[in-house]
Structure formats: C-alpha cells, structure tokens
Amino acid sequence: MSLSINEANPKASAFGSERIQEILDQTGCVGIRIYNGYYDSKRRFVLVGVDEDGNDMTSGRILDYSTPCPPYCAPSTSLG
C-alpha cells in the first residue's frame, strides 16, 4: 500500500524533549494525550497533559507546534 503524503498531511512530527518535559512536569500530570488538529489548513499533532482521572489539562502547557515530516523527515527509518 502506498500513501500520498504531503505537507498538508504529515506522516510524522518531531517534538523537542524539553517541550515534552514541560508538559510532564506540570503538577498532577501523569501522561500525554496526542490529538490530530488543523492549523492553516494543515494537519498538526497537538500534545496535552493528562491527569490521574484521564482529564486533559487544557489550562496547562499544550504543544501545538512541531517539526512536520515532510519536509523535515529522518534520512532513514523503517517506520514509514
């Protein structure tokens, strides 16, 4: 199966470890939930902290910017 992938529909995104750690370091955060979102008609991944009850921590740190692939892809990967 071959997928047509372009900048409007990324196949992956990279987030910096410091930004992810900012989410995890929030008081009460036990994990991260990833949503598919849109910005400027382009699909983006959005990361939000999750508390022990499974609630999104929307009043805290939210990551909505990443380095999309394409065009910024790993030179070689077996994942896609």
N, C-alpha and C. Protein backbone atom coordinates (compact mmCIF):
# COMPACT_ATOMS: atom_id res chain seq x y z
N MET A 1 0.84 -1.17 0.00
CA MET A 1 0.00 0.00 0.00
C MET A 1 0.89 1.23 0.00
N SER A 2 0.56 2.19 -0.81
CA SER A 2 1.32 3.43 -0.90
C SER A 2 0.42 4.60 -0.54
N LEU A 3 0.92 5.47 0.32
CA LEU A 3 0.15 6.64 0.73
C LEU A 3 0.71 7.87 0.07
N SER A 4 -0.15 8.78 -0.32
CA SER A 4 0.29 10.07 -0.83
C SER A 4 0.42 11.01 0.36
N ILE A 5 1.65 11.38 0.68
CA ILE A 5 1.91 12.21 1.84
C ILE A 5 2.44 13.55 1.36
N ASN A 6 1.93 14.63 1.93
CA ASN A 6 2.44 15.96 1.61
C ASN A 6 2.44 16.81 2.87
N GLU A 7 2.84 18.07 2.73
CA GLU A 7 2.93 18.93 3.91
C GLU A 7 1.59 19.15 4.59
N ALA A 8 0.49 19.08 3.86
CA ALA A 8 -0.83 19.27 4.47
C ALA A 8 -1.25 18.05 5.28
N ASN A 9 -0.62 16.92 5.00
CA ASN A 9 -0.94 15.67 5.69
C ASN A 9 0.35 14.98 6.11
N PRO A 10 0.98 15.47 7.18
CA PRO A 10 2.27 14.88 7.58
C PRO A 10 2.12 13.43 8.03
N LYS A 11 3.19 12.67 7.82
CA LYS A 11 3.20 11.28 8.29
C LYS A 11 3.84 11.17 9.66
N ALA A 12 4.52 12.24 10.08
CA ALA A 12 5.16 12.25 11.40
C ALA A 12 5.43 13.69 11.81
N SER A 13 5.73 13.88 13.08
CA SER A 13 6.13 15.18 13.61
C SER A 13 7.14 14.95 14.72
N ALA A 14 8.07 15.88 14.85
CA ALA A 14 9.07 15.79 15.92
C ALA A 14 8.82 16.91 16.94
N PHE A 15 8.86 16.54 18.22
CA PHE A 15 8.73 17.49 19.32
C PHE A 15 10.01 17.43 20.15
N GLY A 16 10.51 18.57 20.57
CA GLY A 16 11.71 18.60 21.41
C GLY A 16 11.45 18.02 22.79
N SER A 17 12.47 17.37 23.34
CA SER A 17 12.33 16.73 24.65
C SER A 17 12.04 17.74 25.75
N GLU A 18 12.60 18.94 25.64
CA GLU A 18 12.34 19.97 26.67
C GLU A 18 10.87 20.36 26.70
N ARG A 19 10.26 20.46 25.54
CA ARG A 19 8.84 20.84 25.47
C ARG A 19 7.95 19.72 26.02
N ILE A 20 8.29 18.49 25.71
CA ILE A 20 7.52 17.36 26.25
C ILE A 20 7.68 17.31 27.76
N GLN A 21 8.89 17.54 28.24
CA GLN A 21 9.14 17.52 29.69
C GLN A 21 8.35 18.62 30.39
N GLU A 22 8.16 19.78 29.74
CA GLU A 22 7.36 20.86 30.33
C GLU A 22 5.93 20.39 30.60
N ILE A 23 5.40 19.58 29.70
CA ILE A 23 4.05 19.03 29.91
C ILE A 23 4.08 18.06 31.09
N LEU A 24 5.02 17.13 31.09
CA LEU A 24 5.09 16.11 32.13
C LEU A 24 5.40 16.68 33.51
N ASP A 25 6.09 17.81 33.58
CA ASP A 25 6.45 18.42 34.86
C ASP A 25 5.31 19.19 35.52
N GLN A 26 4.18 19.33 34.85
CA GLN A 26 3.04 20.03 35.45
C GLN A 26 2.52 19.25 36.65
N THR A 27 2.14 19.96 37.68
CA THR A 27 1.57 19.32 38.87
C THR A 27 0.33 18.51 38.48
N GLY A 28 0.32 17.24 38.84
CA GLY A 28 -0.83 16.37 38.58
C GLY A 28 -0.80 15.66 37.24
N CYS A 29 0.20 15.93 36.42
CA CYS A 29 0.27 15.30 35.10
C CYS A 29 0.84 13.89 35.23
N VAL A 30 0.12 12.92 34.64
CA VAL A 30 0.58 11.53 34.68
C VAL A 30 0.86 10.96 33.29
N GLY A 31 0.61 11.76 32.26
CA GLY A 31 0.85 11.28 30.89
C GLY A 31 0.54 12.35 29.88
N ILE A 32 0.59 11.96 28.61
CA ILE A 32 0.35 12.87 27.50
C ILE A 32 -0.67 12.25 26.56
N ARG A 33 -1.60 13.07 26.07
CA ARG A 33 -2.54 12.65 25.04
C ARG A 33 -2.20 13.43 23.77
N ILE A 34 -2.29 12.74 22.62
CA ILE A 34 -1.98 13.36 21.34
C ILE A 34 -3.24 13.41 20.49
N TYR A 35 -3.55 14.62 20.01
CA TYR A 35 -4.71 14.84 19.16
C TYR A 35 -4.26 15.20 17.75
N ASN A 36 -5.09 14.88 16.77
CA ASN A 36 -4.91 15.38 15.42
C ASN A 36 -5.66 16.70 15.33
N GLY A 37 -4.98 17.74 14.88
CA GLY A 37 -5.61 19.04 14.76
C GLY A 37 -5.28 19.67 13.42
N TYR A 38 -5.77 20.89 13.20
CA TYR A 38 -5.51 21.62 11.96
C TYR A 38 -5.08 23.04 12.29
N TYR A 39 -4.12 23.54 11.51
CA TYR A 39 -3.68 24.92 11.60
C TYR A 39 -3.34 25.36 10.19
N ASP A 40 -3.91 26.47 9.75
CA ASP A 40 -3.69 26.94 8.37
C ASP A 40 -3.99 25.85 7.35
N SER A 41 -5.05 25.11 7.57
CA SER A 41 -5.48 24.03 6.69
C SER A 41 -4.47 22.89 6.60
N LYS A 42 -3.53 22.84 7.52
CA LYS A 42 -2.56 21.75 7.55
C LYS A 42 -2.76 20.94 8.82
N ARG A 43 -2.69 19.63 8.67
CA ARG A 43 -2.87 18.75 9.81
C ARG A 43 -1.67 18.87 10.74
N ARG A 44 -1.95 18.95 12.03
CA ARG A 44 -0.90 19.06 13.05
C ARG A 44 -1.24 18.15 14.21
N PHE A 45 -0.22 17.72 14.93
CA PHE A 45 -0.42 16.94 16.14
C PHE A 45 -0.37 17.89 17.33
N VAL A 46 -1.28 17.69 18.28
CA VAL A 46 -1.37 18.54 19.47
C VAL A 46 -1.20 17.65 20.69
N LEU A 47 -0.27 18.02 21.58
CA LEU A 47 0.01 17.26 22.79
C LEU A 47 -0.48 18.02 24.01
N VAL A 48 -1.16 17.30 24.91
CA VAL A 48 -1.70 17.91 26.12
C VAL A 48 -1.48 16.94 27.28
N GLY A 49 -1.22 17.48 28.46
CA GLY A 49 -1.06 16.65 29.64
C GLY A 49 -2.38 16.01 30.05
N VAL A 50 -2.27 14.88 30.74
CA VAL A 50 -3.44 14.15 31.24
C VAL A 50 -3.26 13.94 32.73
N ASP A 51 -4.34 14.18 33.50
CA ASP A 51 -4.26 13.97 34.95
C ASP A 51 -4.64 12.53 35.31
N GLU A 52 -4.57 12.21 36.59
CA GLU A 52 -4.81 10.82 37.03
C GLU A 52 -6.23 10.34 36.77
N ASP A 53 -7.17 11.26 36.54
CA ASP A 53 -8.54 10.89 36.23
C ASP A 53 -8.78 10.76 34.73
N GLY A 54 -7.73 10.97 33.93
CA GLY A 54 -7.86 10.88 32.48
C GLY A 54 -8.33 12.15 31.81
N ASN A 55 -8.36 13.26 32.57
CA ASN A 55 -8.80 14.54 32.01
C ASN A 55 -7.65 15.26 31.32
N ASP A 56 -7.95 15.92 30.21
CA ASP A 56 -6.97 16.77 29.55
C ASP A 56 -6.69 17.98 30.43
N MET A 57 -5.44 18.36 30.53
CA MET A 57 -5.03 19.52 31.33
C MET A 57 -4.95 20.74 30.41
N THR A 58 -6.12 21.17 29.92
CA THR A 58 -6.18 22.23 28.91
C THR A 58 -5.82 23.61 29.43
N SER A 59 -5.78 23.78 30.74
CA SER A 59 -5.37 25.09 31.28
C SER A 59 -3.85 25.14 31.48
N GLY A 60 -3.17 24.04 31.16
CA GLY A 60 -1.72 23.97 31.31
C GLY A 60 -1.01 24.10 29.98
N ARG A 61 0.18 23.54 29.93
CA ARG A 61 1.03 23.60 28.74
C ARG A 61 0.46 22.70 27.65
N ILE A 62 0.30 23.24 26.45
CA ILE A 62 -0.16 22.49 25.29
C ILE A 62 0.85 22.69 24.16
N LEU A 63 1.26 21.62 23.53
CA LEU A 63 2.16 21.72 22.38
C LEU A 63 1.34 21.60 21.11
N ASP A 64 1.39 22.64 20.30
CA ASP A 64 0.67 22.60 19.03
C ASP A 64 1.57 22.96 17.86
N TYR A 65 2.88 23.00 18.12
CA TYR A 65 3.82 23.26 17.05
C TYR A 65 4.90 22.17 17.08
N SER A 66 5.19 21.64 15.93
CA SER A 66 6.21 20.60 15.82
C SER A 66 6.93 20.77 14.49
N THR A 67 7.92 19.93 14.28
CA THR A 67 8.63 19.90 13.00
C THR A 67 8.01 18.77 12.18
N PRO A 68 7.22 19.11 11.15
CA PRO A 68 6.50 18.09 10.40
C PRO A 68 7.37 17.35 9.38
N CYS A 69 6.98 16.12 9.12
CA CYS A 69 7.59 15.29 8.08
C CYS A 69 6.48 14.85 7.13
N PRO A 70 6.56 15.21 5.87
CA PRO A 70 7.54 16.07 5.25
C PRO A 70 7.31 17.53 5.61
N PRO A 71 8.27 18.36 5.39
CA PRO A 71 9.51 18.16 4.65
C PRO A 71 10.69 17.75 5.52
N TYR A 72 10.57 17.81 6.85
CA TYR A 72 11.70 17.53 7.73
C TYR A 72 11.65 16.09 8.23
N CYS A 73 12.06 15.17 7.39
CA CYS A 73 11.99 13.74 7.71
C CYS A 73 13.36 13.19 8.09
N ALA A 74 13.33 12.09 8.83
CA ALA A 74 14.56 11.37 9.14
C ALA A 74 15.15 10.84 7.83
N PRO A 75 16.48 10.87 7.69
CA PRO A 75 17.08 10.40 6.44
C PRO A 75 16.79 8.92 6.16
N SER A 76 16.63 8.14 7.22
CA SER A 76 16.36 6.71 7.03
C SER A 76 15.58 6.20 8.23
N THR A 77 14.45 5.57 7.97
CA THR A 77 13.65 4.99 9.04
C THR A 77 12.85 3.81 8.52
N SER A 78 12.61 2.85 9.36
CA SER A 78 11.79 1.70 8.97
C SER A 78 10.32 1.93 9.33
N LEU A 79 10.02 3.11 9.91
CA LEU A 79 8.65 3.37 10.37
C LEU A 79 7.77 4.04 9.33
N GLY A 80 8.27 4.39 8.21
CA GLY A 80 7.39 5.00 7.24
C GLY A 80 8.11 5.83 6.27
